[in-house]
Amino acid sequence: MKFSGSHDIDIGQETLWNSLRNVDVLAASMPGCESFEQMAVDGESYKFVIATRIGPMKARFVGKMDTELIDPPNSYKLVGSGNAGSAGAARGEVLIKLRPIGPEKTCLAFDASVAITGRMAQIGGKMIHSTAEAFASQFFQNLSRNAQTSDKVEQAPEFRLPAFGIIGGKRAAVFFAASLFLIWLGYVLLRG
């Protein structure tokens, strides 16, 4: 599965680059991150533990991530994989590109591809795509906040996507009302 996007962040390119390369800022910005550590071997590899919830399914991914194609302060690529036991496994890569919009504003663009196996893969592409977008959105909100105050980062909460997480706004209200109507209709028909 492939997805991409971009976010304008009110931080200069150099500051944002340094934040993206700061282990503490990254760990605090990732929703559900329990640990994120730089491996001493080369300084470009990391090990992580991330807890996530998609509807009723909870997973705890343990994995490794490597940094490649580093072009400071413009771009780099993250390649990683994680295993969540019986829930499944994920493998993916993301190319991150920074482009200055002004002295204190940067466009962060990303192109990602993810492959998921196991029980999580059975959820379906639409739910997984929505989850990935929601996770990315939370990450960028957290990154914007933590990059500005990199000496005092705020840990992101566990990532949760509720069952209605794939449906937003008015469509969620209609879906919920239709579900209640069907439950009520079933009750009336069964009663008499």
Protein backbone atom coordinates (compact mmCIF):
# COMPACT_ATOMS: atom_id res chain seq x y z
CA MET A 1 0.00 0.00 0.00
CA LYS A 2 1.33 3.42 -0.96
CA PHE A 3 0.40 6.83 0.33
CA SER A 4 1.89 10.30 0.36
CA GLY A 5 1.22 13.73 1.70
CA SER A 6 2.69 16.99 2.82
CA HIS A 7 2.40 19.30 5.80
CA ASP A 8 3.44 22.91 6.17
CA ILE A 9 5.14 23.32 9.53
CA ASP A 10 5.84 26.70 11.12
CA ILE A 11 9.50 25.93 11.74
CA GLY A 12 12.61 26.77 9.71
CA GLN A 13 14.13 23.98 7.60
CA GLU A 14 17.33 23.60 9.68
CA THR A 15 15.40 23.41 12.96
CA LEU A 16 12.93 20.90 11.52
CA TRP A 17 15.79 18.81 10.08
CA ASN A 18 17.53 18.71 13.47
CA SER A 19 14.26 17.74 15.15
CA LEU A 20 13.68 14.91 12.67
CA ARG A 21 17.15 13.62 13.51
CA ASN A 22 16.66 14.01 17.30
CA VAL A 23 15.78 10.66 18.91
CA ASP A 24 13.93 12.28 21.83
CA VAL A 25 11.76 14.45 19.57
CA LEU A 26 10.93 11.51 17.28
CA ALA A 27 10.07 9.21 20.17
CA ALA A 28 7.85 11.80 21.80
CA SER A 29 6.10 12.60 18.51
CA MET A 30 5.20 9.02 17.53
CA PRO A 31 1.77 8.08 18.87
CA GLY A 32 2.03 5.03 21.11
CA CYS A 33 5.84 4.97 21.13
CA GLU A 34 7.01 3.04 24.20
CA SER A 35 10.69 3.18 23.25
CA PHE A 36 12.81 4.49 20.39
CA GLU A 37 16.55 4.13 20.72
CA GLN A 38 19.47 4.85 18.46
CA MET A 39 21.67 1.79 18.02
CA ALA A 40 25.32 2.49 18.82
CA VAL A 41 26.66 0.45 15.90
CA ASP A 42 26.36 3.12 13.20
CA GLY A 43 24.15 5.87 14.59
CA GLU A 44 21.73 5.52 11.65
CA SER A 45 19.77 2.51 12.93
CA TYR A 46 17.05 2.55 15.57
CA LYS A 47 15.05 0.00 17.50
CA PHE A 48 11.52 0.76 18.61
CA VAL A 49 8.39 -0.46 20.39
CA ILE A 50 5.07 1.13 19.33
CA ALA A 51 1.64 0.23 20.74
CA THR A 52 -1.37 0.86 18.52
CA ARG A 53 -5.07 0.11 18.41
CA ILE A 54 -7.21 -0.26 15.29
CA GLY A 55 -10.87 -0.69 16.25
CA PRO A 56 -10.96 -3.70 18.60
CA MET A 57 -7.45 -4.93 17.71
CA LYS A 58 -4.48 -3.92 19.82
CA ALA A 59 -0.94 -4.51 18.64
CA ARG A 60 2.52 -3.85 20.02
CA PHE A 61 5.13 -3.61 17.27
CA VAL A 62 8.77 -4.34 18.11
CA GLY A 63 11.13 -3.52 15.29
CA LYS A 64 14.12 -1.86 13.68
CA MET A 65 14.46 1.16 11.41
CA ASP A 66 17.40 2.29 9.27
CA THR A 67 18.13 5.71 7.80
CA GLU A 68 19.28 5.85 4.18
CA LEU A 69 19.93 8.39 1.40
CA ILE A 70 20.69 11.20 3.83
CA ASP A 71 20.90 14.65 2.19
CA PRO A 72 21.03 17.25 5.02
CA PRO A 73 18.90 19.34 5.47
CA ASN A 74 16.74 18.30 2.50
CA SER A 75 15.75 14.63 2.66
CA TYR A 76 16.28 11.13 3.94
CA LYS A 77 14.66 7.73 3.77
CA LEU A 78 13.54 5.49 6.64
CA VAL A 79 13.29 1.75 6.03
CA GLY A 80 11.94 -0.48 8.76
CA SER A 81 9.99 -3.47 9.89
CA GLY A 82 8.15 -4.46 13.02
CA ASN A 83 6.54 -7.58 14.42
CA ALA A 84 3.39 -7.62 16.55
CA GLY A 85 3.25 -11.34 17.26
CA SER A 86 -0.10 -12.93 16.41
CA ALA A 87 -1.51 -9.56 15.24
CA GLY A 88 0.91 -9.54 12.32
CA ALA A 89 3.92 -7.70 11.02
CA ALA A 90 4.60 -4.55 9.04
CA ARG A 91 7.37 -3.58 6.67
CA GLY A 92 7.74 -0.22 5.02
CA GLU A 93 9.73 2.75 3.91
CA VAL A 94 9.16 6.49 3.83
CA LEU A 95 11.04 9.17 1.92
CA ILE A 96 10.92 12.50 3.76
CA LYS A 97 11.66 15.73 1.87
CA LEU A 98 11.94 19.22 3.34
CA ARG A 99 11.48 22.38 1.31
CA PRO A 100 11.64 25.90 2.76
CA ILE A 101 8.53 28.03 2.24
CA GLY A 102 9.92 30.98 4.15
CA PRO A 103 12.46 31.70 6.88
CA GLU A 104 10.26 30.10 9.56
CA LYS A 105 8.08 27.73 7.54
CA THR A 106 8.91 24.41 5.89
CA CYS A 107 6.96 22.01 3.71
CA LEU A 108 7.53 18.41 4.82
CA ALA A 109 6.50 15.98 2.08
CA PHE A 110 6.52 12.21 2.36
CA ASP A 111 6.09 9.18 0.09
CA ALA A 112 5.52 5.93 1.93
CA SER A 113 4.84 2.30 1.15
CA VAL A 114 3.73 -0.21 3.75
CA ALA A 115 3.10 -3.95 3.62
CA ILE A 116 1.17 -5.59 6.48
CA THR A 117 0.75 -9.30 7.11
CA GLY A 118 -1.19 -11.41 9.60
CA ARG A 119 -4.49 -10.58 11.32
CA MET A 120 -4.03 -6.84 10.82
CA ALA A 121 -3.87 -7.35 7.04
CA GLN A 122 -7.31 -8.97 7.18
CA ILE A 123 -8.86 -5.70 8.39
CA GLY A 124 -8.90 -4.37 4.85
CA GLY A 125 -7.08 -1.79 2.81
CA LYS A 126 -9.49 1.09 3.46
CA MET A 127 -9.21 0.78 7.24
CA ILE A 128 -5.42 0.39 7.09
CA HIS A 129 -5.08 3.39 4.77
CA SER A 130 -7.29 5.51 7.07
CA THR A 131 -5.27 4.37 10.07
CA ALA A 132 -1.98 5.27 8.37
CA GLU A 133 -3.34 8.74 7.50
CA ALA A 134 -4.62 9.30 11.05
CA PHE A 135 -1.30 8.13 12.53
CA ALA A 136 0.64 10.46 10.19
CA SER A 137 -1.63 13.39 11.05
CA GLN A 138 -1.11 12.85 14.79
CA PHE A 139 2.63 12.45 14.26
CA PHE A 140 2.92 15.76 12.39
CA GLN A 141 0.88 17.63 15.01
CA ASN A 142 3.13 16.23 17.73
CA LEU A 143 6.28 16.92 15.70
CA SER A 144 5.27 20.55 15.14
CA ARG A 145 4.81 21.03 18.88
CA ASN A 146 7.93 19.10 19.96
CA ALA A 147 10.27 20.55 17.31
CA GLN A 148 9.65 24.03 18.65
CA THR A 149 10.46 22.95 22.20
CA SER A 150 12.98 20.15 21.60
CA ASP A 151 14.41 20.57 25.11
CA LYS A 152 11.00 19.84 26.68
CA VAL A 153 9.18 17.26 24.55
CA GLU A 154 5.68 16.01 25.33
CA GLN A 155 5.06 12.27 24.90
CA ALA A 156 2.31 11.36 22.44
CA PRO A 157 -0.51 9.16 23.79
CA GLU A 158 -1.21 5.64 22.54
CA PHE A 159 -2.56 5.68 19.01
CA ARG A 160 -6.21 4.64 18.78
CA LEU A 161 -8.47 4.58 15.77
CA PRO A 162 -12.05 3.90 16.86
CA ALA A 163 -14.34 1.68 14.81
CA PHE A 164 -15.95 4.80 13.34
CA GLY A 165 -12.50 6.26 12.62
CA ILE A 166 -12.78 5.59 8.91
CA ILE A 167 -15.95 7.67 8.61
CA GLY A 168 -15.91 11.35 9.42
CA GLY A 169 -18.28 14.23 10.00
CA LYS A 170 -21.85 14.01 8.73
CA ARG A 171 -21.29 10.55 7.27
CA ALA A 172 -20.43 9.22 10.74
CA ALA A 173 -23.65 10.69 12.19
CA VAL A 174 -25.74 9.18 9.37
CA PHE A 175 -24.02 5.82 9.77
CA PHE A 176 -24.58 5.87 13.53
CA ALA A 177 -28.26 6.88 13.14
CA ALA A 178 -28.81 4.15 10.53
CA SER A 179 -27.24 1.58 12.87
CA LEU A 180 -29.53 2.64 15.72
CA PHE A 181 -32.54 2.47 13.40
CA LEU A 182 -31.64 -1.07 12.31
CA ILE A 183 -31.22 -2.17 15.92
CA TRP A 184 -34.59 -0.62 16.82
CA LEU A 185 -36.26 -2.25 13.78
CA GLY A 186 -34.83 -5.65 14.73
CA TYR A 187 -36.11 -5.20 18.27
CA VAL A 188 -39.65 -4.33 17.04
CA LEU A 189 -39.75 -7.26 14.60
CA LEU A 190 -38.49 -9.75 17.19
CA ARG A 191 -40.91 -8.48 19.85
CA GLY A 192 -43.99 -9.03 17.94
